[in-house]
PDB file of N, CA and C in Angstrom:
ATOM      1  N   UNK A   1      -2.851  18.411  -2.953  1.00  0.00           N
ATOM      2  CA  UNK A   1      -3.307  19.667  -3.085  1.00  0.00           C
ATOM      3  C   UNK A   1      -4.206  19.370  -1.341  1.00  0.00           C
ATOM      4  N   UNK A   2      -3.681  20.654  -0.434  1.00  0.00           N
ATOM      5  CA  UNK A   2      -3.824  19.905   1.034  1.00  0.00           C
ATOM      6  C   UNK A   2      -5.339  20.864   1.389  1.00  0.00           C
ATOM      7  N   UNK A   3      -5.547  20.401   2.158  1.00  0.00           N
ATOM      8  CA  UNK A   3      -7.833  20.582   2.498  1.00  0.00           C
ATOM      9  C   UNK A   3      -7.092  21.788   3.425  1.00  0.00           C
ATOM     10  N   UNK A   4      -7.881  22.740   3.389  1.00  0.00           N
ATOM     11  CA  UNK A   4      -7.891  23.503   4.737  1.00  0.00           C
ATOM     12  C   UNK A   4      -8.430  23.134   5.345  1.00  0.00           C
ATOM     13  N   UNK A   5      -9.567  22.047   5.475  1.00  0.00           N
ATOM     14  CA  UNK A   5     -10.215  21.748   6.852  1.00  0.00           C
ATOM     15  C   UNK A   5      -9.468  20.876   7.934  1.00  0.00           C
ATOM     16  N   UNK A   6      -8.253  20.329   7.009  1.00  0.00           N
ATOM     17  CA  UNK A   6      -7.755  19.509   7.920  1.00  0.00           C
ATOM     18  C   UNK A   6      -6.776  20.025   8.570  1.00  0.00           C
ATOM     19  N   UNK A   7      -6.190  21.116   8.825  1.00  0.00           N
ATOM     20  CA  UNK A   7      -5.356  22.588   9.416  1.00  0.00           C
ATOM     21  C   UNK A   7      -6.226  22.400  10.884  1.00  0.00           C
ATOM     22  N   UNK A   8      -7.362  22.861  10.395  1.00  0.00           N
ATOM     23  CA  UNK A   8      -8.604  23.340  11.808  1.00  0.00           C
ATOM     24  C   UNK A   8      -8.966  22.332  12.736  1.00  0.00           C
ATOM     25  N   UNK A   9      -8.909  20.635  12.599  1.00  0.00           N
ATOM     26  CA  UNK A   9      -9.336  19.358  13.292  1.00  0.00           C
ATOM     27  C   UNK A   9      -8.267  20.062  14.155  1.00  0.00           C
ATOM     28  N   UNK A  10      -9.724  19.413  15.694  1.00  0.00           N
ATOM     29  CA  UNK A  10      -8.805  19.669  17.068  1.00  0.00           C
ATOM     30  C   UNK A  10      -8.303  18.576  17.119  1.00  0.00           C
ATOM     31  N   UNK A  11      -7.367  17.357  15.810  1.00  0.00           N
ATOM     32  CA  UNK A  11      -6.253  16.493  16.566  1.00  0.00           C
ATOM     33  C   UNK A  11      -4.928  16.533  15.025  1.00  0.00           C
ATOM     34  N   UNK A  12      -4.135  16.927  15.526  1.00  0.00           N
ATOM     35  CA  UNK A  12      -2.919  17.455  14.904  1.00  0.00           C
ATOM     36  C   UNK A  12      -2.648  16.138  13.779  1.00  0.00           C
ATOM     37  N   UNK A  13      -2.807  15.961  12.265  1.00  0.00           N
ATOM     38  CA  UNK A  13      -2.474  14.563  12.092  1.00  0.00           C
ATOM     39  C   UNK A  13      -2.998  13.608  11.673  1.00  0.00           C
ATOM     40  N   UNK A  14      -4.503  14.093  12.070  1.00  0.00           N
ATOM     41  CA  UNK A  14      -5.546  13.260  12.040  1.00  0.00           C
ATOM     42  C   UNK A  14      -5.486  12.425  10.610  1.00  0.00           C
ATOM     43  N   UNK A  15      -5.724  11.850   9.621  1.00  0.00           N
ATOM     44  CA  UNK A  15      -5.685  11.946   8.763  1.00  0.00           C
ATOM     45  C   UNK A  15      -4.680  10.303   8.945  1.00  0.00           C
ATOM     46  N   UNK A  16      -3.507  10.679   9.346  1.00  0.00           N
ATOM     47  CA  UNK A  16      -2.986   9.843  10.070  1.00  0.00           C
ATOM     48  C   UNK A  16      -2.464   8.934  11.079  1.00  0.00           C
ATOM     49  N   UNK A  17      -3.780   8.812  12.213  1.00  0.00           N
ATOM     50  CA  UNK A  17      -3.445   8.145  13.141  1.00  0.00           C
ATOM     51  C   UNK A  17      -4.379   6.943  13.153  1.00  0.00           C
ATOM     52  N   UNK A  18      -3.503   6.173  13.698  1.00  0.00           N
ATOM     53  CA  UNK A  18      -4.378   4.196  13.603  1.00  0.00           C
ATOM     54  C   UNK A  18      -5.572   4.601  14.201  1.00  0.00           C
ATOM     55  N   UNK A  19      -6.245   3.534  14.286  1.00  0.00           N
ATOM     56  CA  UNK A  19      -7.961   3.678  15.008  1.00  0.00           C
ATOM     57  C   UNK A  19      -7.385   3.202  16.160  1.00  0.00           C
ATOM     58  N   UNK A  20      -6.526   2.612  17.202  1.00  0.00           N
ATOM     59  CA  UNK A  20      -5.618   2.421  18.042  1.00  0.00           C
ATOM     60  C   UNK A  20      -5.714   3.816  19.129  1.00  0.00           C
ATOM     61  N   UNK A  21      -4.514   4.835  18.228  1.00  0.00           N
ATOM     62  CA  UNK A  21      -4.113   5.736  18.643  1.00  0.00           C
ATOM     63  C   UNK A  21      -5.715   6.935  18.844  1.00  0.00           C
ATOM     64  N   UNK A  22      -6.302   7.125  18.232  1.00  0.00           N
ATOM     65  CA  UNK A  22      -7.153   7.836  17.482  1.00  0.00           C
ATOM     66  C   UNK A  22      -8.214   7.636  18.864  1.00  0.00           C
ATOM     67  N   UNK A  23      -8.472   6.127  19.317  1.00  0.00           N
ATOM     68  CA  UNK A  23      -9.080   5.872  20.183  1.00  0.00           C
ATOM     69  C   UNK A  23      -9.419   6.286  22.096  1.00  0.00           C
ATOM     70  N   UNK A  24      -7.968   6.480  21.872  1.00  0.00           N
ATOM     71  CA  UNK A  24      -7.017   6.802  23.222  1.00  0.00           C
ATOM     72  C   UNK A  24      -7.185   8.974  23.194  1.00  0.00           C
ATOM     73  N   UNK A  25      -6.755   9.184  22.020  1.00  0.00           N
ATOM     74  CA  UNK A  25      -6.997  10.614  22.122  1.00  0.00           C
ATOM     75  C   UNK A  25      -8.675  11.167  21.840  1.00  0.00           C
ATOM     76  N   UNK A  26      -9.264  11.048  21.434  1.00  0.00           N
ATOM     77  CA  UNK A  26     -10.606  11.661  21.243  1.00  0.00           C
ATOM     78  C   UNK A  26     -11.125  11.703  22.706  1.00  0.00           C
ATOM     79  N   UNK A  27     -10.492  10.858  23.584  1.00  0.00           N
ATOM     80  CA  UNK A  27     -11.228  11.078  24.920  1.00  0.00           C
ATOM     81  C   UNK A  27     -11.179  12.519  25.666  1.00  0.00           C
ATOM     82  N   UNK A  28      -9.775  12.861  25.156  1.00  0.00           N
ATOM     83  CA  UNK A  28      -9.785  14.489  26.028  1.00  0.00           C
ATOM     84  C   UNK A  28     -10.881  14.972  25.396  1.00  0.00           C
ATOM     85  N   UNK A  29     -11.333  15.062  23.936  1.00  0.00           N
ATOM     86  CA  UNK A  29     -12.579  16.410  23.249  1.00  0.00           C
ATOM     87  C   UNK A  29     -13.533  16.487  23.764  1.00  0.00           C
ATOM     88  N   UNK A  30     -14.100  17.639  23.369  1.00  0.00           N
ATOM     89  CA  UNK A  30     -15.558  17.900  24.052  1.00  0.00           C
ATOM     90  C   UNK A  30     -16.158  17.095  22.735  1.00  0.00           C
ATOM     91  N   UNK A  31     -17.946  17.709  23.384  1.00  0.00           N
ATOM     92  CA  UNK A  31     -18.627  17.142  21.762  1.00  0.00           C
ATOM     93  C   UNK A  31     -18.548  17.699  20.798  1.00  0.00           C
ATOM     94  N   UNK A  32     -18.019  19.167  20.695  1.00  0.00           N
ATOM     95  CA  UNK A  32     -18.074  19.983  19.694  1.00  0.00           C
ATOM     96  C   UNK A  32     -17.380  19.232  18.984  1.00  0.00           C
ATOM     97  N   UNK A  33     -15.989  19.003  19.539  1.00  0.00           N
ATOM     98  CA  UNK A  33     -14.760  18.603  18.626  1.00  0.00           C
ATOM     99  C   UNK A  33     -14.915  17.262  18.154  1.00  0.00           C
ATOM    100  N   UNK A  34     -15.742  16.356  18.661  1.00  0.00           N
ATOM    101  CA  UNK A  34     -15.976  14.970  18.204  1.00  0.00           C
ATOM    102  C   UNK A  34     -17.029  15.101  17.019  1.00  0.00           C
ATOM    103  N   UNK A  35     -17.725  15.827  16.921  1.00  0.00           N
ATOM    104  CA  UNK A  35     -18.578  16.155  16.225  1.00  0.00           C
ATOM    105  C   UNK A  35     -18.118  16.636  14.362  1.00  0.00           C
ATOM    106  N   UNK A  36     -16.904  17.656  14.965  1.00  0.00           N
ATOM    107  CA  UNK A  36     -15.881  18.231  14.413  1.00  0.00           C
ATOM    108  C   UNK A  36     -15.115  16.824  13.384  1.00  0.00           C
ATOM    109  N   UNK A  37     -14.784  16.422  13.990  1.00  0.00           N
ATOM    110  CA  UNK A  37     -13.996  15.348  13.130  1.00  0.00           C
ATOM    111  C   UNK A  37     -15.017  14.460  12.651  1.00  0.00           C
ATOM    112  N   UNK A  38     -16.112  13.816  13.525  1.00  0.00           N
ATOM    113  CA  UNK A  38     -17.468  13.009  12.427  1.00  0.00           C
ATOM    114  C   UNK A  38     -17.763  13.311  11.268  1.00  0.00           C
ATOM    115  N   UNK A  39     -18.014  14.602  11.307  1.00  0.00           N
ATOM    116  CA  UNK A  39     -18.262  15.370   9.866  1.00  0.00           C
ATOM    117  C   UNK A  39     -17.283  15.476   8.690  1.00  0.00           C
ATOM    118  N   UNK A  40     -16.014  15.704   9.194  1.00  0.00           N
ATOM    119  CA  UNK A  40     -14.570  15.316   8.427  1.00  0.00           C
ATOM    120  C   UNK A  40     -14.633  13.793   8.351  1.00  0.00           C
ATOM    121  N   UNK A  41     -14.552  13.048   8.934  1.00  0.00           N
ATOM    122  CA  UNK A  41     -14.561  12.017   8.587  1.00  0.00           C
ATOM    123  C   UNK A  41     -15.396  11.261   7.595  1.00  0.00           C
ATOM    124  N   UNK A  42     -16.605  11.480   7.487  1.00  0.00           N
ATOM    125  CA  UNK A  42     -17.610  11.395   6.665  1.00  0.00           C
ATOM    126  C   UNK A  42     -17.569  12.046   5.325  1.00  0.00           C
ATOM    127  N   UNK A  43     -17.285  12.819   5.683  1.00  0.00           N
ATOM    128  CA  UNK A  43     -16.842  13.883   4.017  1.00  0.00           C
ATOM    129  C   UNK A  43     -15.519  13.314   3.501  1.00  0.00           C
ATOM    130  N   UNK A  44     -14.843  13.097   4.323  1.00  0.00           N
ATOM    131  CA  UNK A  44     -13.201  12.428   3.922  1.00  0.00           C
ATOM    132  C   UNK A  44     -13.264  10.893   3.434  1.00  0.00           C
ATOM    133  N   UNK A  45     -12.787  10.218   3.875  1.00  0.00           N
ATOM    134  CA  UNK A  45     -12.356   8.629   4.399  1.00  0.00           C
ATOM    135  C   UNK A  45     -12.970   8.250   4.079  1.00  0.00           C
ATOM    136  N   UNK A  46     -14.037   8.544   5.348  1.00  0.00           N
ATOM    137  CA  UNK A  46     -15.535   7.616   5.682  1.00  0.00           C
ATOM    138  C   UNK A  46     -15.235   5.743   5.691  1.00  0.00           C
ATOM    139  N   UNK A  47     -14.216   6.173   7.182  1.00  0.00           N
ATOM    140  CA  UNK A  47     -13.909   4.740   7.560  1.00  0.00           C
ATOM    141  C   UNK A  47     -14.634   4.380   8.749  1.00  0.00           C
ATOM    142  N   UNK A  48     -15.445   2.945   8.305  1.00  0.00           N
ATOM    143  CA  UNK A  48     -16.507   2.711   8.785  1.00  0.00           C
ATOM    144  C   UNK A  48     -16.041   2.713  10.822  1.00  0.00           C
ATOM    145  N   UNK A  49     -15.035   1.635  10.973  1.00  0.00           N
ATOM    146  CA  UNK A  49     -14.605   1.447  11.661  1.00  0.00           C
ATOM    147  C   UNK A  49     -14.005   3.268  12.472  1.00  0.00           C
ATOM    148  N   UNK A  50     -13.623   3.931  12.059  1.00  0.00           N
ATOM    149  CA  UNK A  50     -13.485   5.601  12.695  1.00  0.00           C
ATOM    150  C   UNK A  50     -15.012   5.719  12.759  1.00  0.00           C
ATOM    151  N   UNK A  51     -15.586   5.698  11.766  1.00  0.00           N
ATOM    152  CA  UNK A  51     -17.350   6.909  12.111  1.00  0.00           C
ATOM    153  C   UNK A  51     -17.908   5.988  13.157  1.00  0.00           C
ATOM    154  N   UNK A  52     -17.944   4.904  13.265  1.00  0.00           N
ATOM    155  CA  UNK A  52     -18.359   4.224  15.017  1.00  0.00           C
ATOM    156  C   UNK A  52     -17.859   4.323  16.168  1.00  0.00           C
ATOM    157  N   UNK A  53     -16.571   4.542  15.754  1.00  0.00           N
ATOM    158  CA  UNK A  53     -15.696   4.953  17.339  1.00  0.00           C
ATOM    159  C   UNK A  53     -16.266   6.162  18.057  1.00  0.00           C
ATOM    160  N   UNK A  54     -16.078   7.403  16.284  1.00  0.00           N
ATOM    161  CA  UNK A  54     -16.716   8.801  16.889  1.00  0.00           C
ATOM    162  C   UNK A  54     -17.689   9.013  16.990  1.00  0.00           C
ATOM    163  N   UNK A  55     -18.821   8.128  16.511  1.00  0.00           N
ATOM    164  CA  UNK A  55     -20.416   7.958  17.461  1.00  0.00           C
ATOM    165  C   UNK A  55     -21.068   7.436  18.706  1.00  0.00           C
ATOM    166  N   UNK A  56     -19.632   6.557  18.985  1.00  0.00           N
ATOM    167  CA  UNK A  56     -20.115   5.683  20.166  1.00  0.00           C
ATOM    168  C   UNK A  56     -19.336   7.055  21.247  1.00  0.00           C
ATOM    169  N   UNK A  57     -18.161   7.594  20.471  1.00  0.00           N
ATOM    170  CA  UNK A  57     -17.923   8.610  22.066  1.00  0.00           C
ATOM    171  C   UNK A  57     -18.518   9.908  22.211  1.00  0.00           C
ATOM    172  N   UNK A  58     -19.109  10.137  21.218  1.00  0.00           N
ATOM    173  CA  UNK A  58     -20.100  11.273  21.034  1.00  0.00           C
ATOM    174  C   UNK A  58     -21.210  11.377  21.665  1.00  0.00           C
ATOM    175  N   UNK A  59     -21.557   9.714  21.845  1.00  0.00           N
ATOM    176  CA  UNK A  59     -22.593   9.433  22.363  1.00  0.00           C
ATOM    177  C   UNK A  59     -22.757   9.155  23.777  1.00  0.00           C
ATOM    178  N   UNK A  60     -21.456   8.959  24.422  1.00  0.00           N
ATOM    179  CA  UNK A  60     -20.686   8.956  25.455  1.00  0.00           C
ATOM    180  C   UNK A  60     -21.053   9.821  25.968  1.00  0.00           C
ATOM    181  N   UNK A  61     -20.387  10.920  25.540  1.00  0.00           N
ATOM    182  CA  UNK A  61     -20.948  12.682  25.976  1.00  0.00           C
ATOM    183  C   UNK A  61     -21.947  13.296  25.869  1.00  0.00           C
ATOM    184  N   UNK A  62     -23.002  12.595  24.890  1.00  0.00           N
ATOM    185  CA  UNK A  62     -23.958  13.564  25.536  1.00  0.00           C
ATOM    186  C   UNK A  62     -24.477  12.937  26.321  1.00  0.00           C
ATOM    187  N   UNK A  63     -24.220  11.326  27.003  1.00  0.00           N
ATOM    188  CA  UNK A  63     -24.921  10.794  28.089  1.00  0.00           C
ATOM    189  C   UNK A  63     -24.386  11.345  29.621  1.00  0.00           C
ATOM    190  N   UNK A  64     -23.592  12.142  29.389  1.00  0.00           N
ATOM    191  CA  UNK A  64     -22.825  12.564  30.658  1.00  0.00           C
ATOM    192  C   UNK A  64     -21.168  12.240  30.627  1.00  0.00           C
ATOM    193  N   UNK A  65     -21.167  11.666  30.075  1.00  0.00           N
ATOM    194  CA  UNK A  65     -19.405  11.164  30.430  1.00  0.00           C
ATOM    195  C   UNK A  65     -18.601  12.840  29.605  1.00  0.00           C
ATOM    196  N   UNK A  66     -17.646  12.819  31.105  1.00  0.00           N
ATOM    197  CA  UNK A  66     -16.572  13.873  30.683  1.00  0.00           C
ATOM    198  C   UNK A  66     -15.376  13.640  29.696  1.00  0.00           C
ATOM    199  N   UNK A  67     -14.832  14.656  29.403  1.00  0.00           N
ATOM    200  CA  UNK A  67     -13.821  14.736  28.207  1.00  0.00           C
ATOM    201  C   UNK A  67     -12.900  14.204  29.130  1.00  0.00           C
ATOM    202  N   UNK A  68     -11.762  13.081  29.558  1.00  0.00           N
ATOM    203  CA  UNK A  68     -10.654  13.061  30.209  1.00  0.00           C
ATOM    204  C   UNK A  68      -9.397  13.860  30.152  1.00  0.00           C
ATOM    205  N   UNK A  69      -8.261  13.616  31.399  1.00  0.00           N
ATOM    206  CA  UNK A  69      -7.549  14.417  30.657  1.00  0.00           C
ATOM    207  C   UNK A  69      -6.540  13.733  29.553  1.00  0.00           C
ATOM    208  N   UNK A  70      -5.912  14.254  28.700  1.00  0.00           N
ATOM    209  CA  UNK A  70      -4.962  13.726  28.214  1.00  0.00           C
ATOM    210  C   UNK A  70      -4.505  14.995  27.266  1.00  0.00           C
ATOM    211  N   UNK A  71      -3.434  15.120  26.357  1.00  0.00           N
ATOM    212  CA  UNK A  71      -2.899  15.407  24.928  1.00  0.00           C
ATOM    213  C   UNK A  71      -3.064  15.710  23.915  1.00  0.00           C
ATOM    214  N   UNK A  72      -4.304  16.327  22.967  1.00  0.00           N
ATOM    215  CA  UNK A  72      -4.247  15.804  21.755  1.00  0.00           C
ATOM    216  C   UNK A  72      -3.195  15.646  20.918  1.00  0.00           C
ATOM    217  N   UNK A  73      -2.035  16.579  21.330  1.00  0.00           N
ATOM    218  CA  UNK A  73      -0.996  17.015  20.305  1.00  0.00           C
ATOM    219  C   UNK A  73       0.034  16.476  20.618  1.00  0.00           C
ATOM    220  N   UNK A  74       0.034  15.273  22.339  1.00  0.00           N
ATOM    221  CA  UNK A  74       1.096  14.557  22.818  1.00  0.00           C
ATOM    222  C   UNK A  74       1.832  13.581  21.531  1.00  0.00           C
ATOM    223  N   UNK A  75       3.209  13.769  21.714  1.00  0.00           N
ATOM    224  CA  UNK A  75       4.115  12.852  20.918  1.00  0.00           C
ATOM    225  C   UNK A  75       2.839  11.554  20.375  1.00  0.00           C
ATOM    226  N   UNK A  76       3.386  11.149  19.200  1.00  0.00           N
ATOM    227  CA  UNK A  76       3.068   9.987  19.131  1.00  0.00           C
ATOM    228  C   UNK A  76       3.775   8.795  18.303  1.00  0.00           C
ATOM    229  N   UNK A  77       3.318   7.899  18.724  1.00  0.00           N
ATOM    230  CA  UNK A  77       4.307   7.054  18.248  1.00  0.00           C
ATOM    231  C   UNK A  77       4.336   6.345  16.734  1.00  0.00           C
ATOM    232  N   UNK A  78       3.121   6.721  16.159  1.00  0.00           N
ATOM    233  CA  UNK A  78       3.315   6.570  14.667  1.00  0.00           C
ATOM    234  C   UNK A  78       4.398   7.657  13.892  1.00  0.00           C
ATOM    235  N   UNK A  79       4.532   8.361  14.903  1.00  0.00           N
ATOM    236  CA  UNK A  79       5.477   9.871  14.208  1.00  0.00           C
ATOM    237  C   UNK A  79       6.445   9.079  14.156  1.00  0.00           C
ATOM    238  N   UNK A  80       7.013   9.107  15.894  1.00  0.00           N
ATOM    239  CA  UNK A  80       8.251   8.051  15.726  1.00  0.00           C
ATOM    240  C   UNK A  80       9.468   9.186  15.007  1.00  0.00           C
ATOM    241  N   UNK A  81      10.223   8.225  16.174  1.00  0.00           N
ATOM    242  CA  UNK A  81      11.928   9.271  15.291  1.00  0.00           C
ATOM    243  C   UNK A  81      12.682   8.527  14.705  1.00  0.00           C
ATOM    244  N   UNK A  82      12.304   7.481  13.830  1.00  0.00           N
ATOM    245  CA  UNK A  82      12.460   6.519  12.816  1.00  0.00           C
ATOM    246  C   UNK A  82      13.708   6.213  13.031  1.00  0.00           C
ATOM    247  N   UNK A  83      13.449   4.903  12.798  1.00  0.00           N
ATOM    248  CA  UNK A  83      14.565   3.586  12.752  1.00  0.00           C
ATOM    249  C   UNK A  83      16.127   4.154  12.468  1.00  0.00           C
ATOM    250  N   UNK A  84      16.606   3.786  13.348  1.00  0.00           N
ATOM    251  CA  UNK A  84      18.029   4.247  12.794  1.00  0.00           C
ATOM    252  C   UNK A  84      18.819   3.274  12.891  1.00  0.00           C
ATOM    253  N   UNK A  85      18.488   2.341  12.679  1.00  0.00           N
ATOM    254  CA  UNK A  85      18.901   1.131  12.461  1.00  0.00           C
ATOM    255  C   UNK A  85      19.346   0.119  14.024  1.00  0.00           C
ATOM    256  N   UNK A  86      19.873  -0.636  14.101  1.00  0.00           N
ATOM    257  CA  UNK A  86      19.978  -2.087  15.374  1.00  0.00           C
ATOM    258  C   UNK A  86      21.108  -0.879  16.705  1.00  0.00           C
ATOM    259  N   UNK A  87      20.379  -1.421  17.391  1.00  0.00           N
ATOM    260  CA  UNK A  87      21.362  -0.783  18.909  1.00  0.00           C
ATOM    261  C   UNK A  87      22.350  -1.663  19.293  1.00  0.00           C
ATOM    262  N   UNK A  88      22.573  -2.664  18.458  1.00  0.00           N
ATOM    263  CA  UNK A  88      23.722  -3.933  18.688  1.00  0.00           C
ATOM    264  C   UNK A  88      25.223  -3.318  18.442  1.00  0.00           C
ATOM    265  N   UNK A  89      26.144  -3.308  19.566  1.00  0.00           N
ATOM    266  CA  UNK A  89      27.045  -2.624  19.070  1.00  0.00           C
ATOM    267  C   UNK A  89      27.915  -4.054  19.410  1.00  0.00           C
ATOM    268  N   UNK A  90      29.501  -3.447  18.455  1.00  0.00           N
ATOM    269  CA  UNK A  90      29.630  -4.723  19.815  1.00  0.00           C
ATOM    270  C   UNK A  90      30.305  -5.074  21.003  1.00  0.00           C
ATOM    271  N   UNK A  91      30.304  -3.453  21.655  1.00  0.00           N
ATOM    272  CA  UNK A  91      29.998  -3.814  23.527  1.00  0.00           C
ATOM    273  C   UNK A  91      29.088  -4.159  23.420  1.00  0.00           C
ATOM    274  N   UNK A  92      27.524  -4.394  23.135  1.00  0.00           N
ATOM    275  CA  UNK A  92      26.280  -5.003  23.242  1.00  0.00           C
ATOM    276  C   UNK A  92      26.071  -6.123  22.692  1.00  0.00           C
ATOM    277  N   UNK A  93      27.068  -6.765  22.285  1.00  0.00           N
ATOM    278  CA  UNK A  93      26.621  -8.090  21.524  1.00  0.00           C
ATOM    279  C   UNK A  93      27.401  -8.998  22.534  1.00  0.00           C
ATOM    280  N   UNK A  94      26.313 -10.454  22.554  1.00  0.00           N
ATOM    281  CA  UNK A  94      26.600 -11.419  23.219  1.00  0.00           C
ATOM    282  C   UNK A  94      28.040 -11.745  22.583  1.00  0.00           C
ATOM    283  N   UNK A  95      28.518 -12.873  23.746  1.00  0.00           N
ATOM    284  CA  UNK A  95      29.596 -12.884  24.104  1.00  0.00           C
ATOM    285  C   UNK A  95      29.879 -14.659  22.624  1.00  0.00           C
ATOM    286  N   UNK A  96      30.858 -15.205  22.385  1.00  0.00           N
ATOM    287  CA  UNK A  96      30.815 -16.455  21.115  1.00  0.00           C
ATOM    288  C   UNK A  96      30.466 -17.418  22.352  1.00  0.00           C
ATOM    289  N   UNK A  97      29.930 -18.482  21.561  1.00  0.00           N
ATOM    290  CA  UNK A  97      29.896 -19.613  22.181  1.00  0.00           C
ATOM    291  C   UNK A  97      30.151 -20.180  21.003  1.00  0.00           C
ATOM    292  N   UNK A  98      30.276 -21.857  22.161  1.00  0.00           N
ATOM    293  CA  UNK A  98      31.097 -22.987  20.648  1.00  0.00           C
ATOM    294  C   UNK A  98      29.615 -23.864  20.516  1.00  0.00           C
ATOM    295  N   UNK A  99      29.728 -24.175  19.428  1.00  0.00           N
ATOM    296  CA  UNK A  99      28.578 -24.860  18.041  1.00  0.00           C
ATOM    297  C   UNK A  99      27.560 -25.828  18.978  1.00  0.00           C
ATOM    298  N   UNK A 100      26.748 -26.297  19.006  1.00  0.00           N
ATOM    299  CA  UNK A 100      25.545 -26.900  19.225  1.00  0.00           C
ATOM    300  C   UNK A 100      26.046 -28.654  19.256  1.00  0.00           C
ATOM    301  N   UNK A 101      25.630 -29.115  20.169  1.00  0.00           N
ATOM    302  CA  UNK A 101      26.004 -30.884  19.996  1.00  0.00           C
ATOM    303  C   UNK A 101      26.033 -31.210  18.457  1.00  0.00           C
ATOM    304  N   UNK A 102      25.128 -30.738  17.834  1.00  0.00           N
ATOM    305  CA  UNK A 102      24.838 -31.815  16.407  1.00  0.00           C
ATOM    306  C   UNK A 102      25.879 -31.161  15.546  1.00  0.00           C
ATOM    307  N   UNK A 103      26.778 -29.986  15.986  1.00  0.00           N
ATOM    308  CA  UNK A 103      27.816 -29.670  14.801  1.00  0.00           C
ATOM    309  C   UNK A 103      26.974 -28.490  14.087  1.00  0.00           C
ATOM    310  N   UNK A 104      27.786 -27.524  13.433  1.00  0.00           N
ATOM    311  CA  UNK A 104      27.665 -27.140  12.067  1.00  0.00           C
ATOM    312  C   UNK A 104      28.135 -27.512  10.936  1.00  0.00           C
ATOM    313  N   UNK A 105      28.048 -27.037   9.809  1.00  0.00           N
ATOM    314  CA  UNK A 105      28.547 -27.439   8.185  1.00  0.00           C
ATOM    315  C   UNK A 105      30.202 -27.387   8.536  1.00  0.00           C
ATOM    316  N   UNK A 106      30.844 -26.311   9.327  1.00  0.00           N
ATOM    317  CA  UNK A 106      32.455 -26.504   9.425  1.00  0.00           C
ATOM    318  C   UNK A 106      33.236 -27.359  10.444  1.00  0.00           C
ATOM    319  N   UNK A 107      31.958 -27.682  11.778  1.00  0.00           N
ATOM    320  CA  UNK A 107      32.621 -28.170  12.893  1.00  0.00           C
ATOM    321  C   UNK A 107      31.674 -29.394  12.905  1.00  0.00           C
ATOM    322  N   UNK A 108      31.955 -30.712  13.455  1.00  0.00           N
ATOM    323  CA  UNK A 108      31.269 -32.033  13.470  1.00  0.00           C
ATOM    324  C   UNK A 108      30.874 -31.951  14.381  1.00  0.00           C
ATOM    325  N   UNK A 109      29.307 -32.406  14.884  1.00  0.00           N
ATOM    326  CA  UNK A 109      28.872 -32.413  16.513  1.00  0.00           C
ATOM    327  C   UNK A 109      29.473 -33.816  16.844  1.00  0.00           C
ATOM    328  N   UNK A 110      29.600 -33.613  18.589  1.00  0.00           N
ATOM    329  CA  UNK A 110      30.501 -34.738  18.841  1.00  0.00           C
ATOM    330  C   UNK A 110      29.090 -36.041  19.159  1.00  0.00           C
ATOM    331  N   UNK A 111      29.782 -37.344  18.846  1.00  0.00           N
ATOM    332  CA  UNK A 111      28.697 -38.786  19.625  1.00  0.00           C
ATOM    333  C   UNK A 111      28.524 -38.132  20.721  1.00  0.00           C
ATOM    334  N   UNK A 112      26.955 -38.720  21.190  1.00  0.00           N
ATOM    335  CA  UNK A 112      26.647 -39.131  22.429  1.00  0.00           C
ATOM    336  C   UNK A 112      27.337 -39.788  23.429  1.00  0.00           C
ATOM    337  N   UNK A 113      28.141 -40.669  23.177  1.00  0.00           N
ATOM    338  CA  UNK A 113      28.834 -40.933  24.442  1.00  0.00           C
ATOM    339  C   UNK A 113      29.811 -40.583  24.574  1.00  0.00           C
ATOM    340  N   UNK A 114      30.284 -39.553  23.707  1.00  0.00           N
ATOM    341  CA  UNK A 114      31.911 -38.611  23.953  1.00  0.00           C
ATOM    342  C   UNK A 114      31.601 -37.686  24.209  1.00  0.00           C
ATOM    343  N   UNK A 115      30.013 -37.285  24.967  1.00  0.00           N
ATOM    344  CA  UNK A 115      30.070 -35.783  25.710  1.00  0.00           C
ATOM    345  C   UNK A 115      30.085 -36.002  27.121  1.00  0.00           C
ATOM    346  N   UNK A 116      30.873 -34.368  27.522  1.00  0.00           N
ATOM    347  CA  UNK A 116      31.259 -34.530  29.400  1.00  0.00           C
ATOM    348  C   UNK A 116      30.000 -33.902  29.826  1.00  0.00           C
TER     349      UNK A 116
END
């Protein structure tokens, strides 16, 4: 069941943001927006590190800090483009090389005296 309060938050997908991403995104918010997130957090997940982060930012703003530039809706790495497999192709794979000097199960190693 969707929470209507979630749709009006100043940060899209707030519930899914990792704390590191949240820390950088709240810098662009003003006092009212941070207060709104704090009220929402306390009434929902009540994650202690997040409430501490929001409380600290709120104190900074009330002490005269200005919101910095930034886009709270900017592309988020946690959304990602989805992992679509390895970027390695035959064209980008390394050239084959000889076995190590100690050998492999199917090729015996060279004795130390025979190395060139």
